[in-house]
Amino acid sequence: MGVVPELRAVSAGANVAHPDANWDVTLVADVESLDALEAYQVHPAHKEAGAYITSVVASRVAVDFEF
């Protein structure tokens, strides 16, 4: 099991198409449910990663969806 139990999978990648018109990087975090998402968002390791990301980006956007 990983550091954040609610996190089923995570992937990240740089934008390879239309970099001048779109975001530079994406991070996708897979969780089981909205409850798991809420737990993930307040986990200390997630907060630590978020603090670093905030320190190195000009802006960010987040989208939460179910499928």
PDB file of N, CA and C in Angstrom:
ATOM      1  N   MET A   1       0.842  -1.173   0.000  1.00  0.00           N
ATOM      2  CA  MET A   1       0.000   0.000   0.000  1.00  0.00           C
ATOM      3  C   MET A   1       0.890   1.240   0.000  1.00  0.00           C
ATOM      4  N   GLY A   2       0.408   2.298  -0.647  1.00  0.00           N
ATOM      5  CA  GLY A   2       1.177   3.518  -0.749  1.00  0.00           C
ATOM      6  C   GLY A   2       1.016   4.418   0.457  1.00  0.00           C
ATOM      7  N   VAL A   3       1.522   5.610   0.343  1.00  0.00           N
ATOM      8  CA  VAL A   3       1.503   6.587   1.430  1.00  0.00           C
ATOM      9  C   VAL A   3       0.083   7.088   1.710  1.00  0.00           C
ATOM     10  N   VAL A   4      -0.710   7.294   0.665  1.00  0.00           N
ATOM     11  CA  VAL A   4      -2.080   7.782   0.804  1.00  0.00           C
ATOM     12  C   VAL A   4      -3.024   6.630   0.472  1.00  0.00           C
ATOM     13  N   PRO A   5      -3.646   6.012   1.456  1.00  0.00           N
ATOM     14  CA  PRO A   5      -4.449   4.812   1.214  1.00  0.00           C
ATOM     15  C   PRO A   5      -5.575   5.007   0.199  1.00  0.00           C
ATOM     16  N   GLU A   6      -6.154   6.191   0.132  1.00  0.00           N
ATOM     17  CA  GLU A   6      -7.275   6.449  -0.776  1.00  0.00           C
ATOM     18  C   GLU A   6      -6.849   6.545  -2.239  1.00  0.00           C
ATOM     19  N   LEU A   7      -5.587   6.739  -2.489  1.00  0.00           N
ATOM     20  CA  LEU A   7      -5.083   6.938  -3.849  1.00  0.00           C
ATOM     21  C   LEU A   7      -4.864   5.598  -4.531  1.00  0.00           C
ATOM     22  N   ARG A   8      -5.696   5.289  -5.524  1.00  0.00           N
ATOM     23  CA  ARG A   8      -5.590   4.015  -6.251  1.00  0.00           C
ATOM     24  C   ARG A   8      -4.504   4.057  -7.312  1.00  0.00           C
ATOM     25  N   ALA A   9      -4.380   5.198  -7.990  1.00  0.00           N
ATOM     26  CA  ALA A   9      -3.374   5.359  -9.041  1.00  0.00           C
ATOM     27  C   ALA A   9      -3.134   6.847  -9.243  1.00  0.00           C
ATOM     28  N   VAL A  10      -1.943   7.160  -9.734  1.00  0.00           N
ATOM     29  CA  VAL A  10      -1.617   8.547 -10.057  1.00  0.00           C
ATOM     30  C   VAL A  10      -0.735   8.546 -11.297  1.00  0.00           C
ATOM     31  N   SER A  11      -0.970   9.507 -12.178  1.00  0.00           N
ATOM     32  CA  SER A  11      -0.124   9.653 -13.363  1.00  0.00           C
ATOM     33  C   SER A  11       0.039  11.138 -13.650  1.00  0.00           C
ATOM     34  N   ALA A  12       1.134  11.465 -14.285  1.00  0.00           N
ATOM     35  CA  ALA A  12       1.408  12.855 -14.634  1.00  0.00           C
ATOM     36  C   ALA A  12       2.107  12.879 -15.977  1.00  0.00           C
ATOM     37  N   GLY A  13       1.938  13.977 -16.682  1.00  0.00           N
ATOM     38  CA  GLY A  13       2.615  14.084 -17.966  1.00  0.00           C
ATOM     39  C   GLY A  13       2.591  15.497 -18.488  1.00  0.00           C
ATOM     40  N   ALA A  14       3.559  15.764 -19.343  1.00  0.00           N
ATOM     41  CA  ALA A  14       3.666  17.071 -19.982  1.00  0.00           C
ATOM     42  C   ALA A  14       2.756  17.120 -21.206  1.00  0.00           C
ATOM     43  N   ASN A  15       2.227  18.282 -21.480  1.00  0.00           N
ATOM     44  CA  ASN A  15       1.403  18.495 -22.660  1.00  0.00           C
ATOM     45  C   ASN A  15       2.270  18.383 -23.915  1.00  0.00           C
ATOM     46  N   VAL A  16       1.852  17.579 -24.867  1.00  0.00           N
ATOM     47  CA  VAL A  16       2.620  17.416 -26.104  1.00  0.00           C
ATOM     48  C   VAL A  16       1.942  18.055 -27.304  1.00  0.00           C
ATOM     49  N   ALA A  17       0.720  18.523 -27.157  1.00  0.00           N
ATOM     50  CA  ALA A  17      -0.006  19.142 -28.259  1.00  0.00           C
ATOM     51  C   ALA A  17      -0.424  20.555 -27.883  1.00  0.00           C
ATOM     52  N   HIS A  18      -0.146  21.508 -28.745  1.00  0.00           N
ATOM     53  CA  HIS A  18      -0.562  22.901 -28.566  1.00  0.00           C
ATOM     54  C   HIS A  18      -0.128  23.494 -27.225  1.00  0.00           C
ATOM     55  N   PRO A  19       1.145  23.431 -26.900  1.00  0.00           N
ATOM     56  CA  PRO A  19       1.603  23.907 -25.587  1.00  0.00           C
ATOM     57  C   PRO A  19       1.372  25.399 -25.353  1.00  0.00           C
ATOM     58  N   ASP A  20       1.254  26.182 -26.405  1.00  0.00           N
ATOM     59  CA  ASP A  20       1.014  27.608 -26.208  1.00  0.00           C
ATOM     60  C   ASP A  20      -0.448  27.920 -25.899  1.00  0.00           C
ATOM     61  N   ALA A  21      -1.339  26.970 -26.158  1.00  0.00           N
ATOM     62  CA  ALA A  21      -2.755  27.215 -25.962  1.00  0.00           C
ATOM     63  C   ALA A  21      -3.352  26.439 -24.783  1.00  0.00           C
ATOM     64  N   ASN A  22      -2.634  25.463 -24.280  1.00  0.00           N
ATOM     65  CA  ASN A  22      -3.168  24.601 -23.223  1.00  0.00           C
ATOM     66  C   ASN A  22      -2.256  24.604 -22.006  1.00  0.00           C
ATOM     67  N   TRP A  23      -2.679  23.897 -20.960  1.00  0.00           N
ATOM     68  CA  TRP A  23      -1.868  23.761 -19.761  1.00  0.00           C
ATOM     69  C   TRP A  23      -0.598  22.978 -20.073  1.00  0.00           C
ATOM     70  N   ASP A  24       0.448  23.192 -19.281  1.00  0.00           N
ATOM     71  CA  ASP A  24       1.741  22.552 -19.515  1.00  0.00           C
ATOM     72  C   ASP A  24       1.796  21.101 -19.040  1.00  0.00           C
ATOM     73  N   VAL A  25       1.197  20.827 -17.885  1.00  0.00           N
ATOM     74  CA  VAL A  25       1.334  19.519 -17.234  1.00  0.00           C
ATOM     75  C   VAL A  25      -0.018  19.116 -16.660  1.00  0.00           C
ATOM     76  N   THR A  26      -0.248  17.824 -16.641  1.00  0.00           N
ATOM     77  CA  THR A  26      -1.458  17.330 -15.981  1.00  0.00           C
ATOM     78  C   THR A  26      -1.093  16.266 -14.962  1.00  0.00           C
ATOM     79  N   LEU A  27      -1.894  16.184 -13.928  1.00  0.00           N
ATOM     80  CA  LEU A  27      -1.763  15.146 -12.913  1.00  0.00           C
ATOM     81  C   LEU A  27      -3.145  14.529 -12.753  1.00  0.00           C
ATOM     82  N   VAL A  28      -3.221  13.222 -12.867  1.00  0.00           N
ATOM     83  CA  VAL A  28      -4.490  12.514 -12.702  1.00  0.00           C
ATOM     84  C   VAL A  28      -4.360  11.606 -11.491  1.00  0.00           C
ATOM     85  N   ALA A  29      -5.259  11.789 -10.540  1.00  0.00           N
ATOM     86  CA  ALA A  29      -5.277  10.970  -9.333  1.00  0.00           C
ATOM     87  C   ALA A  29      -6.589  10.199  -9.309  1.00  0.00           C
ATOM     88  N   ASP A  30      -6.505   8.888  -9.257  1.00  0.00           N
ATOM     89  CA  ASP A  30      -7.697   8.034  -9.218  1.00  0.00           C
ATOM     90  C   ASP A  30      -8.003   7.626  -7.784  1.00  0.00           C
ATOM     91  N   VAL A  31      -9.246   7.866  -7.386  1.00  0.00           N
ATOM     92  CA  VAL A  31      -9.737   7.444  -6.079  1.00  0.00           C
ATOM     93  C   VAL A  31     -11.043   6.691  -6.286  1.00  0.00           C
ATOM     94  N   GLU A  32     -11.466   5.954  -5.276  1.00  0.00           N
ATOM     95  CA  GLU A  32     -12.625   5.068  -5.378  1.00  0.00           C
ATOM     96  C   GLU A  32     -13.974   5.797  -5.321  1.00  0.00           C
ATOM     97  N   SER A  33     -14.039   6.913  -4.583  1.00  0.00           N
ATOM     98  CA  SER A  33     -15.328   7.563  -4.337  1.00  0.00           C
ATOM     99  C   SER A  33     -15.107   9.027  -3.959  1.00  0.00           C
ATOM    100  N   LEU A  34     -16.206   9.747  -3.853  1.00  0.00           N
ATOM    101  CA  LEU A  34     -16.098  11.141  -3.395  1.00  0.00           C
ATOM    102  C   LEU A  34     -15.608  11.211  -1.955  1.00  0.00           C
ATOM    103  N   ASP A  35     -16.006  10.252  -1.130  1.00  0.00           N
ATOM    104  CA  ASP A  35     -15.490  10.210   0.246  1.00  0.00           C
ATOM    105  C   ASP A  35     -13.978  10.003   0.249  1.00  0.00           C
ATOM    106  N   ALA A  36     -13.492   9.124  -0.627  1.00  0.00           N
ATOM    107  CA  ALA A  36     -12.045   8.892  -0.731  1.00  0.00           C
ATOM    108  C   ALA A  36     -11.340  10.146  -1.227  1.00  0.00           C
ATOM    109  N   LEU A  37     -11.975  10.872  -2.141  1.00  0.00           N
ATOM    110  CA  LEU A  37     -11.397  12.129  -2.635  1.00  0.00           C
ATOM    111  C   LEU A  37     -11.251  13.131  -1.493  1.00  0.00           C
ATOM    112  N   GLU A  38     -12.280  13.237  -0.673  1.00  0.00           N
ATOM    113  CA  GLU A  38     -12.218  14.163   0.466  1.00  0.00           C
ATOM    114  C   GLU A  38     -11.096  13.776   1.425  1.00  0.00           C
ATOM    115  N   ALA A  39     -10.944  12.488   1.698  1.00  0.00           N
ATOM    116  CA  ALA A  39      -9.872  12.023   2.587  1.00  0.00           C
ATOM    117  C   ALA A  39      -8.501  12.280   1.965  1.00  0.00           C
ATOM    118  N   TYR A  40      -8.380  12.035   0.673  1.00  0.00           N
ATOM    119  CA  TYR A  40      -7.122  12.276  -0.062  1.00  0.00           C
ATOM    120  C   TYR A  40      -6.730  13.751   0.020  1.00  0.00           C
ATOM    121  N   GLN A  41      -7.705  14.634  -0.155  1.00  0.00           N
ATOM    122  CA  GLN A  41      -7.402  16.066  -0.194  1.00  0.00           C
ATOM    123  C   GLN A  41      -6.871  16.615   1.124  1.00  0.00           C
ATOM    124  N   VAL A  42      -7.191  15.979   2.232  1.00  0.00           N
ATOM    125  CA  VAL A  42      -6.703  16.479   3.525  1.00  0.00           C
ATOM    126  C   VAL A  42      -5.546  15.652   4.081  1.00  0.00           C
ATOM    127  N   HIS A  43      -5.123  14.638   3.353  1.00  0.00           N
ATOM    128  CA  HIS A  43      -4.011  13.799   3.816  1.00  0.00           C
ATOM    129  C   HIS A  43      -2.729  14.640   3.872  1.00  0.00           C
ATOM    130  N   PRO A  44      -1.929  14.502   4.916  1.00  0.00           N
ATOM    131  CA  PRO A  44      -0.696  15.301   5.046  1.00  0.00           C
ATOM    132  C   PRO A  44       0.256  15.177   3.846  1.00  0.00           C
ATOM    133  N   ALA A  45       0.379  14.002   3.258  1.00  0.00           N
ATOM    134  CA  ALA A  45       1.272  13.843   2.108  1.00  0.00           C
ATOM    135  C   ALA A  45       0.737  14.608   0.898  1.00  0.00           C
ATOM    136  N   HIS A  46      -0.576  14.621   0.713  1.00  0.00           N
ATOM    137  CA  HIS A  46      -1.174  15.393  -0.382  1.00  0.00           C
ATOM    138  C   HIS A  46      -0.970  16.884  -0.141  1.00  0.00           C
ATOM    139  N   LYS A  47      -1.168  17.311   1.097  1.00  0.00           N
ATOM    140  CA  LYS A  47      -0.962  18.725   1.428  1.00  0.00           C
ATOM    141  C   LYS A  47       0.491  19.139   1.198  1.00  0.00           C
ATOM    142  N   GLU A  48       1.431  18.267   1.538  1.00  0.00           N
ATOM    143  CA  GLU A  48       2.852  18.556   1.315  1.00  0.00           C
ATOM    144  C   GLU A  48       3.144  18.686  -0.176  1.00  0.00           C
ATOM    145  N   ALA A  49       2.634  17.759  -0.969  1.00  0.00           N
ATOM    146  CA  ALA A  49       2.834  17.825  -2.424  1.00  0.00           C
ATOM    147  C   ALA A  49       2.179  19.084  -2.988  1.00  0.00           C
ATOM    148  N   GLY A  50       0.986  19.405  -2.498  1.00  0.00           N
ATOM    149  CA  GLY A  50       0.290  20.599  -2.961  1.00  0.00           C
ATOM    150  C   GLY A  50       1.051  21.877  -2.648  1.00  0.00           C
ATOM    151  N   ALA A  51       1.682  21.931  -1.501  1.00  0.00           N
ATOM    152  CA  ALA A  51       2.474  23.112  -1.137  1.00  0.00           C
ATOM    153  C   ALA A  51       3.643  23.284  -2.094  1.00  0.00           C
ATOM    154  N   TYR A  52       4.295  22.162  -2.447  1.00  0.00           N
ATOM    155  CA  TYR A  52       5.398  22.256  -3.409  1.00  0.00           C
ATOM    156  C   TYR A  52       4.880  22.714  -4.764  1.00  0.00           C
ATOM    157  N   ILE A  53       3.809  22.107  -5.235  1.00  0.00           N
ATOM    158  CA  ILE A  53       3.261  22.471  -6.546  1.00  0.00           C
ATOM    159  C   ILE A  53       2.898  23.948  -6.575  1.00  0.00           C
ATOM    160  N   THR A  54       2.268  24.428  -5.527  1.00  0.00           N
ATOM    161  CA  THR A  54       1.911  25.843  -5.448  1.00  0.00           C
ATOM    162  C   THR A  54       3.143  26.732  -5.555  1.00  0.00           C
ATOM    163  N   SER A  55       4.272  26.272  -5.041  1.00  0.00           N
ATOM    164  CA  SER A  55       5.486  27.089  -5.049  1.00  0.00           C
ATOM    165  C   SER A  55       6.154  27.158  -6.427  1.00  0.00           C
ATOM    166  N   VAL A  56       5.784  26.271  -7.350  1.00  0.00           N
ATOM    167  CA  VAL A  56       6.480  26.240  -8.648  1.00  0.00           C
ATOM    168  C   VAL A  56       5.578  26.515  -9.842  1.00  0.00           C
ATOM    169  N   VAL A  57       4.311  26.820  -9.627  1.00  0.00           N
ATOM    170  CA  VAL A  57       3.414  27.084 -10.754  1.00  0.00           C
ATOM    171  C   VAL A  57       2.930  28.522 -10.751  1.00  0.00           C
ATOM    172  N   ALA A  58       2.614  29.016 -11.945  1.00  0.00           N
ATOM    173  CA  ALA A  58       2.034  30.350 -12.065  1.00  0.00           C
ATOM    174  C   ALA A  58       0.534  30.296 -11.802  1.00  0.00           C
ATOM    175  N   SER A  59      -0.091  29.201 -12.186  1.00  0.00           N
ATOM    176  CA  SER A  59      -1.520  29.011 -11.941  1.00  0.00           C
ATOM    177  C   SER A  59      -1.841  27.530 -12.058  1.00  0.00           C
ATOM    178  N   ARG A  60      -3.031  27.163 -11.610  1.00  0.00           N
ATOM    179  CA  ARG A  60      -3.441  25.773 -11.671  1.00  0.00           C
ATOM    180  C   ARG A  60      -4.948  25.706 -11.830  1.00  0.00           C
ATOM    181  N   VAL A  61      -5.407  24.557 -12.239  1.00  0.00           N
ATOM    182  CA  VAL A  61      -6.837  24.304 -12.355  1.00  0.00           C
ATOM    183  C   VAL A  61      -7.084  22.874 -11.910  1.00  0.00           C
ATOM    184  N   ALA A  62      -8.241  22.617 -11.320  1.00  0.00           N
ATOM    185  CA  ALA A  62      -8.587  21.268 -10.884  1.00  0.00           C
ATOM    186  C   ALA A  62      -9.969  20.907 -11.401  1.00  0.00           C
ATOM    187  N   VAL A  63     -10.131  19.651 -11.764  1.00  0.00           N
ATOM    188  CA  VAL A  63     -11.417  19.126 -12.206  1.00  0.00           C
ATOM    189  C   VAL A  63     -11.616  17.785 -11.534  1.00  0.00           C
ATOM    190  N   ASP A  64     -12.750  17.594 -10.893  1.00  0.00           N
ATOM    191  CA  ASP A  64     -13.086  16.311 -10.264  1.00  0.00           C
ATOM    192  C   ASP A  64     -14.273  15.745 -11.027  1.00  0.00           C
ATOM    193  N   PHE A  65     -14.152  14.493 -11.471  1.00  0.00           N
ATOM    194  CA  PHE A  65     -15.249  13.877 -12.214  1.00  0.00           C
ATOM    195  C   PHE A  65     -15.362  12.409 -11.880  1.00  0.00           C
ATOM    196  N   GLU A  66     -16.553  11.872 -12.135  1.00  0.00           N
ATOM    197  CA  GLU A  66     -16.796  10.440 -11.928  1.00  0.00           C
ATOM    198  C   GLU A  66     -16.994   9.780 -13.286  1.00  0.00           C
ATOM    199  N   PHE A  67     -16.592   8.519 -13.357  1.00  0.00           N
ATOM    200  CA  PHE A  67     -16.907   7.744 -14.566  1.00  0.00           C
ATOM    201  C   PHE A  67     -17.205   6.330 -14.218  1.00  0.00           C
TER     202      PHE A  67
END
